[in-house]
C-alpha cells in the first residue's frame, strides 16, 4: 500500500507543476491583453 502511495505522488507532481505553469502563463497573457486594449491604463 505504501508503494502505491509513492507512485501517486510522482503522478501528482508533474500535474501540479503543469497546472501552476499554465495559470501563471494565463495571468501574464491576461495582463498583456488588458494593457494592450485599455487606453486608460498607461503603466
Protein backbone atom coordinates (compact mmCIF):
# COMPACT_ATOMS: atom_id res chain seq x y z
CA UNK A 1 0.00 0.00 0.00
CA UNK A 2 2.85 2.41 0.73
CA UNK A 3 4.35 1.72 -2.69
CA UNK A 4 1.09 2.73 -4.37
CA UNK A 5 1.07 6.00 -2.43
CA UNK A 6 4.64 6.73 -3.55
CA UNK A 7 3.66 6.20 -7.19
CA UNK A 8 0.67 8.52 -6.75
CA UNK A 9 3.00 11.31 -5.62
CA UNK A 10 5.04 11.00 -8.82
CA UNK A 11 1.83 11.32 -10.83
CA UNK A 12 0.72 14.43 -8.96
CA UNK A 13 3.99 16.39 -9.07
CA UNK A 14 4.08 16.93 -12.88
CA UNK A 15 0.34 17.56 -12.90
CA UNK A 16 0.54 20.35 -10.33
CA UNK A 17 3.69 21.74 -11.96
CA UNK A 18 1.94 21.96 -15.32
CA UNK A 19 -1.17 23.46 -13.75
CA UNK A 20 0.87 26.12 -11.96
CA UNK A 21 2.76 26.94 -15.16
CA UNK A 22 -0.49 27.21 -17.15
CA UNK A 23 -2.13 29.51 -14.61
CA UNK A 24 0.95 31.74 -14.46
CA UNK A 25 1.05 31.91 -18.25
CA UNK A 26 -2.64 32.81 -18.42
CA UNK A 27 -2.10 35.55 -15.84
CA UNK A 28 0.66 37.14 -17.90
CA UNK A 29 -1.35 36.80 -21.12
CA UNK A 30 -4.35 38.41 -19.45
CA UNK A 31 -2.22 41.28 -18.18
CA UNK A 32 -0.80 41.82 -21.65
CA UNK A 33 -4.23 41.83 -23.27
CA UNK A 34 -5.57 44.25 -20.67
CA UNK A 35 -2.62 46.59 -21.13
CA UNK A 36 -2.97 46.47 -24.91
CA UNK A 37 -6.69 47.20 -25.03
CA UNK A 38 -7.19 49.52 -22.05
CA UNK A 39 -6.11 53.03 -23.11
CA UNK A 40 -6.82 54.46 -19.65
CA UNK A 41 -4.01 52.43 -18.14
CA UNK A 42 -0.66 53.90 -19.05
CA UNK A 43 1.65 51.99 -16.79
